[in-house]
């Protein structure tokens, strides 16, 4: 075992502080919840890199490069899926509000009107009637009613009581671009590939 030099001590102290900051960030950041397992892998890689390197320097200096390589792989594996999917929920919301079609692709049975109707429910846990949705979207009440029934049949909306609908968790996931499939009439249709 090599003695603790000032350089190794400094690396170890910085590593512990950074690891604690990362764990604190992980416990507080709301946008992390969507990608929690990926963030855990990334944080594990960062913690291993910032604390494992100095510890390996003390215990087994020949393993330092292996520890840093493993840490780098964990960070890459942890960041791969979130980066591919545009990482943060806030970014999803910004893209969703500016151009919804950038983050999702509708099922074959859906029309652009369905996306617009689902958008009326997005962002608030409201129970809406076809009349209210029609008023806010500019479509006829009869047309809106027909589409709301179909959206409820596909579990993107739920019928709370007669003539009243609410966005489901599945519908919220679809609007955020996180739902990989939207059930079609008889089979599964890819909504996001």
C-alpha atoms as a PDB file:
ATOM      1  CA  UNK A   1       0.000   0.000   0.000  1.00  0.00           C
ATOM      2  CA  UNK A   2       1.338   3.403  -1.003  1.00  0.00           C
ATOM      3  CA  UNK A   3       1.335   6.174   1.611  1.00  0.00           C
ATOM      4  CA  UNK A   4      -1.142   9.019   1.337  1.00  0.00           C
ATOM      5  CA  UNK A   5       0.556  11.857  -0.515  1.00  0.00           C
ATOM      6  CA  UNK A   6      -0.941  15.321  -0.594  1.00  0.00           C
ATOM      7  CA  UNK A   7      -2.040  14.735  -4.208  1.00  0.00           C
ATOM      8  CA  UNK A   8      -3.826  11.454  -3.375  1.00  0.00           C
ATOM      9  CA  UNK A   9      -5.396  13.020  -0.259  1.00  0.00           C
ATOM     10  CA  UNK A  10      -6.650  15.956  -2.310  1.00  0.00           C
ATOM     11  CA  UNK A  11      -8.101  13.616  -4.980  1.00  0.00           C
ATOM     12  CA  UNK A  12      -9.806  11.549  -2.316  1.00  0.00           C
ATOM     13  CA  UNK A  13     -11.297  14.602  -0.552  1.00  0.00           C
ATOM     14  CA  UNK A  14     -12.579  16.087  -3.817  1.00  0.00           C
ATOM     15  CA  UNK A  15     -13.957  12.704  -4.836  1.00  0.00           C
ATOM     16  CA  UNK A  16     -15.927  12.330  -1.611  1.00  0.00           C
ATOM     17  CA  UNK A  17     -17.339  15.884  -1.875  1.00  0.00           C
ATOM     18  CA  UNK A  18     -18.379  15.367  -5.523  1.00  0.00           C
ATOM     19  CA  UNK A  19     -19.926  11.981  -4.695  1.00  0.00           C
ATOM     20  CA  UNK A  20     -21.974  13.543  -1.880  1.00  0.00           C
ATOM     21  CA  UNK A  21     -23.107  16.369  -4.187  1.00  0.00           C
ATOM     22  CA  UNK A  22     -24.174  13.884  -6.861  1.00  0.00           C
ATOM     23  CA  UNK A  23     -26.135  11.808  -4.363  1.00  0.00           C
ATOM     24  CA  UNK A  24     -27.772  14.972  -3.003  1.00  0.00           C
ATOM     25  CA  UNK A  25     -28.692  16.032  -6.556  1.00  0.00           C
ATOM     26  CA  UNK A  26     -30.112  12.592  -7.234  1.00  0.00           C
ATOM     27  CA  UNK A  27     -32.367  12.756  -4.187  1.00  0.00           C
ATOM     28  CA  UNK A  28     -33.775  16.223  -4.992  1.00  0.00           C
ATOM     29  CA  UNK A  29     -34.030  16.597  -8.762  1.00  0.00           C
ATOM     30  CA  UNK A  30     -37.625  16.039  -9.926  1.00  0.00           C
ATOM     31  CA  UNK A  31     -36.729  15.618 -13.580  1.00  0.00           C
ATOM     32  CA  UNK A  32     -34.599  12.610 -12.668  1.00  0.00           C
ATOM     33  CA  UNK A  33     -37.616  10.414 -11.942  1.00  0.00           C
ATOM     34  CA  UNK A  34     -38.314   9.569 -15.572  1.00  0.00           C
ATOM     35  CA  UNK A  35     -34.800   8.262 -16.126  1.00  0.00           C
ATOM     36  CA  UNK A  36     -34.065   7.122 -12.564  1.00  0.00           C
ATOM     37  CA  UNK A  37     -32.318   3.843 -13.406  1.00  0.00           C
ATOM     38  CA  UNK A  38     -30.146   5.539 -16.038  1.00  0.00           C
ATOM     39  CA  UNK A  39     -29.260   8.336 -13.643  1.00  0.00           C
ATOM     40  CA  UNK A  40     -28.361   5.765 -10.986  1.00  0.00           C
ATOM     41  CA  UNK A  41     -25.964   4.064 -13.405  1.00  0.00           C
ATOM     42  CA  UNK A  42     -24.459   7.436 -14.392  1.00  0.00           C
ATOM     43  CA  UNK A  43     -24.080   8.521 -10.763  1.00  0.00           C
ATOM     44  CA  UNK A  44     -22.546   5.127  -9.896  1.00  0.00           C
ATOM     45  CA  UNK A  45     -19.992   5.702 -12.655  1.00  0.00           C
ATOM     46  CA  UNK A  46     -19.236   9.230 -11.473  1.00  0.00           C
ATOM     47  CA  UNK A  47     -18.937   8.152  -7.834  1.00  0.00           C
ATOM     48  CA  UNK A  48     -16.676   5.265  -8.838  1.00  0.00           C
ATOM     49  CA  UNK A  49     -14.560   7.638 -10.929  1.00  0.00           C
ATOM     50  CA  UNK A  50     -14.152  10.362  -8.314  1.00  0.00           C
ATOM     51  CA  UNK A  51     -13.719   8.126  -5.256  1.00  0.00           C
ATOM     52  CA  UNK A  52     -12.560   4.821  -6.710  1.00  0.00           C
ATOM     53  CA  UNK A  53      -9.564   6.332  -8.502  1.00  0.00           C
ATOM     54  CA  UNK A  54      -7.953   7.807  -5.373  1.00  0.00           C
ATOM     55  CA  UNK A  55      -8.808   4.719  -3.321  1.00  0.00           C
ATOM     56  CA  UNK A  56      -7.280   2.478  -5.988  1.00  0.00           C
ATOM     57  CA  UNK A  57      -4.197   4.724  -5.980  1.00  0.00           C
ATOM     58  CA  UNK A  58      -3.819   4.024  -2.264  1.00  0.00           C
ATOM     59  CA  UNK A  59      -4.656   0.318  -2.272  1.00  0.00           C
ATOM     60  CA  UNK A  60      -3.638  -1.010  -5.687  1.00  0.00           C
ATOM     61  CA  UNK A  61      -2.082   1.614  -7.996  1.00  0.00           C
ATOM     62  CA  UNK A  62      -1.993  -0.822 -10.918  1.00  0.00           C
ATOM     63  CA  UNK A  63      -5.829  -0.922 -10.941  1.00  0.00           C
ATOM     64  CA  UNK A  64      -6.401   2.849 -11.257  1.00  0.00           C
ATOM     65  CA  UNK A  65      -6.888   2.682 -15.027  1.00  0.00           C
ATOM     66  CA  UNK A  66      -9.312  -0.242 -14.704  1.00  0.00           C
ATOM     67  CA  UNK A  67     -11.355   1.678 -12.129  1.00  0.00           C
ATOM     68  CA  UNK A  68     -11.471   4.801 -14.322  1.00  0.00           C
ATOM     69  CA  UNK A  69     -12.348   2.722 -17.412  1.00  0.00           C
ATOM     70  CA  UNK A  70     -15.189   0.976 -15.590  1.00  0.00           C
ATOM     71  CA  UNK A  71     -16.440   4.327 -14.286  1.00  0.00           C
ATOM     72  CA  UNK A  72     -16.379   5.783 -17.808  1.00  0.00           C
ATOM     73  CA  UNK A  73     -18.364   2.822 -19.172  1.00  0.00           C
ATOM     74  CA  UNK A  74     -21.000   3.226 -16.457  1.00  0.00           C
ATOM     75  CA  UNK A  75     -21.351   6.932 -17.282  1.00  0.00           C
ATOM     76  CA  UNK A  76     -21.683   6.174 -21.018  1.00  0.00           C
ATOM     77  CA  UNK A  77     -24.245   3.403 -20.444  1.00  0.00           C
ATOM     78  CA  UNK A  78     -26.170   5.603 -18.014  1.00  0.00           C
ATOM     79  CA  UNK A  79     -26.319   8.563 -20.398  1.00  0.00           C
ATOM     80  CA  UNK A  80     -27.053   6.643 -23.589  1.00  0.00           C
ATOM     81  CA  UNK A  81     -30.844   6.290 -23.349  1.00  0.00           C
ATOM     82  CA  UNK A  82     -31.649   9.685 -21.790  1.00  0.00           C
ATOM     83  CA  UNK A  83     -29.462  11.539 -24.296  1.00  0.00           C
ATOM     84  CA  UNK A  84     -31.066   9.608 -27.118  1.00  0.00           C
ATOM     85  CA  UNK A  85     -34.476  10.634 -25.751  1.00  0.00           C
ATOM     86  CA  UNK A  86     -33.597  14.308 -25.121  1.00  0.00           C
ATOM     87  CA  UNK A  87     -32.747  13.885 -21.417  1.00  0.00           C
ATOM     88  CA  UNK A  88     -34.867  16.246 -19.327  1.00  0.00           C
ATOM     89  CA  UNK A  89     -38.599  16.502 -18.713  1.00  0.00           C
ATOM     90  CA  UNK A  90     -38.406  20.289 -19.036  1.00  0.00           C
ATOM     91  CA  UNK A  91     -36.976  19.858 -22.516  1.00  0.00           C
ATOM     92  CA  UNK A  92     -39.776  17.419 -23.349  1.00  0.00           C
ATOM     93  CA  UNK A  93     -42.317  19.993 -22.214  1.00  0.00           C
ATOM     94  CA  UNK A  94     -40.681  22.754 -24.276  1.00  0.00           C
ATOM     95  CA  UNK A  95     -40.639  20.555 -27.383  1.00  0.00           C
ATOM     96  CA  UNK A  96     -44.161  19.315 -26.664  1.00  0.00           C
ATOM     97  CA  UNK A  97     -45.539  22.840 -26.475  1.00  0.00           C
ATOM     98  CA  UNK A  98     -43.698  24.080 -29.555  1.00  0.00           C
ATOM     99  CA  UNK A  99     -44.083  21.031 -31.830  1.00  0.00           C
ATOM    100  CA  UNK A 100     -45.673  17.877 -30.370  1.00  0.00           C
ATOM    101  CA  UNK A 101     -44.922  15.761 -33.418  1.00  0.00           C
ATOM    102  CA  UNK A 102     -41.174  16.109 -32.744  1.00  0.00           C
ATOM    103  CA  UNK A 103     -41.386  13.693 -29.830  1.00  0.00           C
ATOM    104  CA  UNK A 104     -44.150  11.275 -30.692  1.00  0.00           C
ATOM    105  CA  UNK A 105     -45.760   9.553 -33.603  1.00  0.00           C
ATOM    106  CA  UNK A 106     -49.461   8.802 -33.460  1.00  0.00           C
ATOM    107  CA  UNK A 107     -50.940   5.356 -33.846  1.00  0.00           C
ATOM    108  CA  UNK A 108     -52.535   4.509 -37.186  1.00  0.00           C
ATOM    109  CA  UNK A 109     -56.064   5.077 -35.829  1.00  0.00           C
ATOM    110  CA  UNK A 110     -55.281   8.577 -34.505  1.00  0.00           C
ATOM    111  CA  UNK A 111     -55.889  11.862 -36.276  1.00  0.00           C
ATOM    112  CA  UNK A 112     -54.239  15.252 -35.674  1.00  0.00           C
ATOM    113  CA  UNK A 113     -57.433  16.206 -33.880  1.00  0.00           C
ATOM    114  CA  UNK A 114     -56.810  13.445 -31.308  1.00  0.00           C
ATOM    115  CA  UNK A 115     -53.422  14.977 -30.453  1.00  0.00           C
ATOM    116  CA  UNK A 116     -55.032  18.388 -30.092  1.00  0.00           C
ATOM    117  CA  UNK A 117     -57.794  17.037 -27.855  1.00  0.00           C
ATOM    118  CA  UNK A 118     -55.283  15.235 -25.632  1.00  0.00           C
ATOM    119  CA  UNK A 119     -53.316  18.483 -25.455  1.00  0.00           C
ATOM    120  CA  UNK A 120     -56.352  20.193 -23.928  1.00  0.00           C
ATOM    121  CA  UNK A 121     -56.051  17.800 -20.982  1.00  0.00           C
ATOM    122  CA  UNK A 122     -52.265  18.105 -20.682  1.00  0.00           C
ATOM    123  CA  UNK A 123     -50.573  19.861 -17.784  1.00  0.00           C
ATOM    124  CA  UNK A 124     -53.522  19.951 -15.405  1.00  0.00           C
ATOM    125  CA  UNK A 125     -55.394  17.226 -13.602  1.00  0.00           C
ATOM    126  CA  UNK A 126     -58.756  18.431 -14.875  1.00  0.00           C
ATOM    127  CA  UNK A 127     -61.992  16.620 -15.584  1.00  0.00           C
ATOM    128  CA  UNK A 128     -63.426  18.081 -18.788  1.00  0.00           C
ATOM    129  CA  UNK A 129     -66.649  17.679 -20.717  1.00  0.00           C
ATOM    130  CA  UNK A 130     -66.883  17.471 -24.513  1.00  0.00           C
ATOM    131  CA  UNK A 131     -68.462  20.942 -24.524  1.00  0.00           C
ATOM    132  CA  UNK A 132     -65.515  22.505 -22.674  1.00  0.00           C
ATOM    133  CA  UNK A 133     -62.985  20.729 -24.899  1.00  0.00           C
ATOM    134  CA  UNK A 134     -64.924  21.750 -28.026  1.00  0.00           C
ATOM    135  CA  UNK A 135     -65.044  25.361 -26.877  1.00  0.00           C
ATOM    136  CA  UNK A 136     -61.276  25.443 -26.239  1.00  0.00           C
ATOM    137  CA  UNK A 137     -60.247  23.615 -29.417  1.00  0.00           C
ATOM    138  CA  UNK A 138     -62.727  25.056 -31.912  1.00  0.00           C
ATOM    139  CA  UNK A 139     -64.165  21.696 -32.991  1.00  0.00           C
ATOM    140  CA  UNK A 140     -67.857  20.797 -32.833  1.00  0.00           C
ATOM    141  CA  UNK A 141     -69.107  19.181 -29.626  1.00  0.00           C
ATOM    142  CA  UNK A 142     -70.417  16.168 -31.536  1.00  0.00           C
ATOM    143  CA  UNK A 143     -67.057  15.609 -33.247  1.00  0.00           C
ATOM    144  CA  UNK A 144     -65.148  16.071 -29.960  1.00  0.00           C
ATOM    145  CA  UNK A 145     -67.468  13.660 -28.148  1.00  0.00           C
ATOM    146  CA  UNK A 146     -66.850  10.942 -30.757  1.00  0.00           C
ATOM    147  CA  UNK A 147     -63.052  11.367 -30.500  1.00  0.00           C
ATOM    148  CA  UNK A 148     -63.063  11.455 -26.687  1.00  0.00           C
ATOM    149  CA  UNK A 149     -64.933   8.144 -26.620  1.00  0.00           C
ATOM    150  CA  UNK A 150     -62.325   6.605 -28.924  1.00  0.00           C
ATOM    151  CA  UNK A 151     -59.435   8.018 -26.869  1.00  0.00           C
ATOM    152  CA  UNK A 152     -61.043   6.525 -23.763  1.00  0.00           C
ATOM    153  CA  UNK A 153     -61.404   3.171 -25.555  1.00  0.00           C
ATOM    154  CA  UNK A 154     -57.636   3.243 -26.144  1.00  0.00           C
ATOM    155  CA  UNK A 155     -57.018   4.166 -22.479  1.00  0.00           C
ATOM    156  CA  UNK A 156     -55.486   7.574 -23.194  1.00  0.00           C
ATOM    157  CA  UNK A 157     -58.433   9.202 -21.421  1.00  0.00           C
ATOM    158  CA  UNK A 158     -60.693   7.795 -18.751  1.00  0.00           C
ATOM    159  CA  UNK A 159     -64.392   8.398 -18.448  1.00  0.00           C
ATOM    160  CA  UNK A 160     -64.891   9.675 -14.909  1.00  0.00           C
ATOM    161  CA  UNK A 161     -68.658   9.719 -15.172  1.00  0.00           C
ATOM    162  CA  UNK A 162     -71.183  10.291 -17.921  1.00  0.00           C
ATOM    163  CA  UNK A 163     -69.810  12.940 -20.277  1.00  0.00           C
ATOM    164  CA  UNK A 164     -66.705  13.746 -18.183  1.00  0.00           C
ATOM    165  CA  UNK A 165     -63.147  12.732 -19.070  1.00  0.00           C
ATOM    166  CA  UNK A 166     -59.676  12.895 -17.527  1.00  0.00           C
ATOM    167  CA  UNK A 167     -56.225  12.203 -18.973  1.00  0.00           C
ATOM    168  CA  UNK A 168     -54.859   8.833 -17.861  1.00  0.00           C
ATOM    169  CA  UNK A 169     -51.295   8.108 -16.849  1.00  0.00           C
ATOM    170  CA  UNK A 170     -50.956   6.303 -20.182  1.00  0.00           C
ATOM    171  CA  UNK A 171     -52.227   9.419 -21.978  1.00  0.00           C
ATOM    172  CA  UNK A 172     -49.744  11.587 -20.091  1.00  0.00           C
ATOM    173  CA  UNK A 173     -46.924   9.227 -21.076  1.00  0.00           C
ATOM    174  CA  UNK A 174     -48.060   9.378 -24.702  1.00  0.00           C
ATOM    175  CA  UNK A 175     -48.054  13.191 -24.670  1.00  0.00           C
ATOM    176  CA  UNK A 176     -44.537  13.229 -23.227  1.00  0.00           C
ATOM    177  CA  UNK A 177     -43.338  10.870 -25.939  1.00  0.00           C
ATOM    178  CA  UNK A 178     -42.567   8.142 -23.399  1.00  0.00           C
ATOM    179  CA  UNK A 179     -45.177   5.619 -24.514  1.00  0.00           C
ATOM    180  CA  UNK A 180     -43.644   3.199 -26.962  1.00  0.00           C
ATOM    181  CA  UNK A 181     -46.937   1.791 -28.223  1.00  0.00           C
ATOM    182  CA  UNK A 182     -50.503   2.978 -28.488  1.00  0.00           C
ATOM    183  CA  UNK A 183     -53.054   0.240 -28.792  1.00  0.00           C
ATOM    184  CA  UNK A 184     -54.663   0.049 -32.202  1.00  0.00           C
ATOM    185  CA  UNK A 185     -58.084  -1.388 -32.937  1.00  0.00           C
ATOM    186  CA  UNK A 186     -56.936  -5.013 -32.976  1.00  0.00           C
ATOM    187  CA  UNK A 187     -53.219  -4.992 -32.334  1.00  0.00           C
ATOM    188  CA  UNK A 188     -50.342  -2.785 -31.194  1.00  0.00           C
ATOM    189  CA  UNK A 189     -49.256   0.148 -33.360  1.00  0.00           C
ATOM    190  CA  UNK A 190     -45.892   1.745 -32.815  1.00  0.00           C
ATOM    191  CA  UNK A 191     -46.165   5.285 -31.515  1.00  0.00           C
ATOM    192  CA  UNK A 192     -42.458   5.798 -30.956  1.00  0.00           C
ATOM    193  CA  UNK A 193     -39.683   3.627 -32.250  1.00  0.00           C
END
